[in-house]
Amino acid sequence: MVVKADEFLEIFKEEKWKRGNFTYKTILQANKEPAEDSLNNAKIFLSNISKVIKKN
C-alpha cells in the first residue's frame, strides 16, 4: 500500500494528537494518587532534614 505524503501527514497528525492527549490528559489523572503520596513523602523527608540541620 502506497500512501501519499499528505495522507501520511494527516495520519501522523492524528496519531500525534492521540498520543499527546493520552499522555498529558489521561496519564496525569491516573497518576494523581501516587503523585500525592510522593509529595507527602517529600514533605516528611524535608521536615525531618530541616530538624537535623537545626540541631547541628
N, C-alpha and C. Protein backbone atom coordinates (compact mmCIF):
# COMPACT_ATOMS: atom_id res chain seq x y z
N MET A 1 0.85 -1.19 0.00
CA MET A 1 0.00 0.00 0.00
C MET A 1 0.89 1.24 0.00
N VAL A 2 0.65 2.12 -0.92
CA VAL A 2 1.39 3.37 -1.02
C VAL A 2 0.50 4.49 -0.50
N VAL A 3 1.06 5.30 0.38
CA VAL A 3 0.30 6.41 0.96
C VAL A 3 0.90 7.70 0.46
N LYS A 4 0.05 8.60 0.00
CA LYS A 4 0.52 9.91 -0.44
C LYS A 4 1.03 10.69 0.77
N ALA A 5 1.92 11.63 0.49
CA ALA A 5 2.54 12.40 1.57
C ALA A 5 1.50 13.13 2.42
N ASP A 6 0.51 13.75 1.78
CA ASP A 6 -0.49 14.49 2.56
C ASP A 6 -1.34 13.55 3.41
N GLU A 7 -1.63 12.35 2.91
CA GLU A 7 -2.36 11.37 3.70
C GLU A 7 -1.50 10.90 4.88
N PHE A 8 -0.23 10.68 4.60
CA PHE A 8 0.70 10.25 5.64
C PHE A 8 0.80 11.30 6.74
N LEU A 9 0.91 12.57 6.35
CA LEU A 9 1.00 13.65 7.34
C LEU A 9 -0.28 13.75 8.17
N GLU A 10 -1.42 13.51 7.53
CA GLU A 10 -2.69 13.56 8.26
C GLU A 10 -2.76 12.42 9.29
N ILE A 11 -2.33 11.23 8.89
CA ILE A 11 -2.28 10.10 9.82
C ILE A 11 -1.34 10.43 10.98
N PHE A 12 -0.18 10.98 10.65
CA PHE A 12 0.80 11.35 11.67
C PHE A 12 0.22 12.36 12.65
N LYS A 13 -0.46 13.39 12.13
CA LYS A 13 -1.06 14.40 12.99
C LYS A 13 -2.09 13.80 13.94
N GLU A 14 -2.92 12.89 13.41
CA GLU A 14 -3.93 12.25 14.24
C GLU A 14 -3.29 11.41 15.34
N GLU A 15 -2.28 10.64 14.98
CA GLU A 15 -1.61 9.80 15.97
C GLU A 15 -0.86 10.64 17.00
N LYS A 16 -0.25 11.73 16.55
CA LYS A 16 0.45 12.62 17.48
C LYS A 16 -0.53 13.24 18.46
N TRP A 17 -1.70 13.64 17.97
CA TRP A 17 -2.71 14.22 18.85
C TRP A 17 -3.17 13.18 19.87
N LYS A 18 -3.45 11.96 19.41
CA LYS A 18 -3.89 10.91 20.34
C LYS A 18 -2.84 10.64 21.40
N ARG A 19 -1.59 10.58 21.00
CA ARG A 19 -0.52 10.32 21.97
C ARG A 19 -0.41 11.47 22.97
N GLY A 20 -0.42 12.70 22.47
CA GLY A 20 -0.33 13.86 23.36
C GLY A 20 -1.53 13.96 24.27
N ASN A 21 -2.70 13.72 23.75
CA ASN A 21 -3.92 13.79 24.54
C ASN A 21 -3.91 12.72 25.62
N PHE A 22 -3.54 11.52 25.28
CA PHE A 22 -3.48 10.44 26.26
C PHE A 22 -2.40 10.71 27.30
N THR A 23 -1.22 11.05 26.83
CA THR A 23 -0.08 11.23 27.72
C THR A 23 -0.29 12.38 28.69
N TYR A 24 -0.78 13.51 28.21
CA TYR A 24 -0.86 14.70 29.06
C TYR A 24 -2.20 14.89 29.73
N LYS A 25 -3.21 14.15 29.34
CA LYS A 25 -4.51 14.27 29.99
C LYS A 25 -4.80 13.05 30.86
N THR A 26 -4.84 11.90 30.25
CA THR A 26 -5.22 10.69 30.96
C THR A 26 -4.18 10.27 31.98
N ILE A 27 -2.92 10.26 31.58
CA ILE A 27 -1.86 9.77 32.45
C ILE A 27 -1.77 10.62 33.72
N LEU A 28 -1.86 11.91 33.58
CA LEU A 28 -1.77 12.77 34.77
C LEU A 28 -2.87 12.46 35.76
N GLN A 29 -4.07 12.24 35.26
CA GLN A 29 -5.18 11.92 36.15
C GLN A 29 -4.98 10.56 36.80
N ALA A 30 -4.47 9.62 36.03
CA ALA A 30 -4.26 8.27 36.54
C ALA A 30 -3.15 8.25 37.59
N ASN A 31 -2.20 9.15 37.48
CA ASN A 31 -1.06 9.17 38.40
C ASN A 31 -1.24 10.14 39.56
N LYS A 32 -2.41 10.72 39.71
CA LYS A 32 -2.61 11.73 40.74
C LYS A 32 -2.38 11.17 42.15
N GLU A 33 -2.95 10.01 42.46
CA GLU A 33 -2.81 9.45 43.80
C GLU A 33 -1.36 9.12 44.14
N PRO A 34 -0.62 8.41 43.26
CA PRO A 34 0.79 8.15 43.57
C PRO A 34 1.61 9.44 43.67
N ALA A 35 1.26 10.44 42.87
CA ALA A 35 1.99 11.72 42.93
C ALA A 35 1.74 12.42 44.26
N GLU A 36 0.51 12.34 44.75
CA GLU A 36 0.21 12.94 46.06
C GLU A 36 0.98 12.22 47.17
N ASP A 37 1.07 10.90 47.07
CA ASP A 37 1.86 10.14 48.05
C ASP A 37 3.32 10.57 48.02
N SER A 38 3.86 10.74 46.82
CA SER A 38 5.25 11.17 46.67
C SER A 38 5.46 12.55 47.26
N LEU A 39 4.51 13.44 47.02
CA LEU A 39 4.61 14.79 47.56
C LEU A 39 4.57 14.78 49.09
N ASN A 40 3.69 13.99 49.66
CA ASN A 40 3.63 13.88 51.13
C ASN A 40 4.91 13.29 51.69
N ASN A 41 5.45 12.27 51.03
CA ASN A 41 6.72 11.70 51.48
C ASN A 41 7.85 12.72 51.41
N ALA A 42 7.85 13.53 50.35
CA ALA A 42 8.88 14.57 50.22
C ALA A 42 8.75 15.61 51.33
N LYS A 43 7.53 15.96 51.68
CA LYS A 43 7.31 16.93 52.77
C LYS A 43 7.82 16.38 54.10
N ILE A 44 7.53 15.11 54.36
CA ILE A 44 8.00 14.47 55.60
C ILE A 44 9.53 14.45 55.63
N PHE A 45 10.13 14.06 54.51
CA PHE A 45 11.58 14.00 54.41
C PHE A 45 12.19 15.37 54.66
N LEU A 46 11.66 16.39 53.98
CA LEU A 46 12.18 17.75 54.11
C LEU A 46 12.04 18.27 55.53
N SER A 47 10.92 17.99 56.15
CA SER A 47 10.70 18.41 57.53
C SER A 47 11.73 17.80 58.47
N ASN A 48 11.99 16.52 58.29
CA ASN A 48 12.96 15.84 59.14
C ASN A 48 14.39 16.29 58.88
N ILE A 49 14.73 16.54 57.64
CA ILE A 49 16.07 17.04 57.30
C ILE A 49 16.27 18.42 57.92
N SER A 50 15.24 19.25 57.87
CA SER A 50 15.32 20.58 58.48
C SER A 50 15.59 20.49 59.97
N LYS A 51 14.94 19.54 60.65
CA LYS A 51 15.17 19.35 62.09
C LYS A 51 16.60 18.92 62.37
N VAL A 52 17.13 18.03 61.54
CA VAL A 52 18.52 17.57 61.71
C VAL A 52 19.48 18.73 61.52
N ILE A 53 19.24 19.55 60.52
CA ILE A 53 20.12 20.69 60.24
C ILE A 53 20.08 21.69 61.40
N LYS A 54 18.90 21.96 61.94
CA LYS A 54 18.76 22.91 63.04
C LYS A 54 19.47 22.44 64.31
N LYS A 55 19.52 21.12 64.52
CA LYS A 55 20.20 20.57 65.70
C LYS A 55 21.71 20.75 65.61
N ASN A 56 22.24 20.77 64.40
CA ASN A 56 23.70 20.87 64.23
C ASN A 56 24.06 22.26 63.96
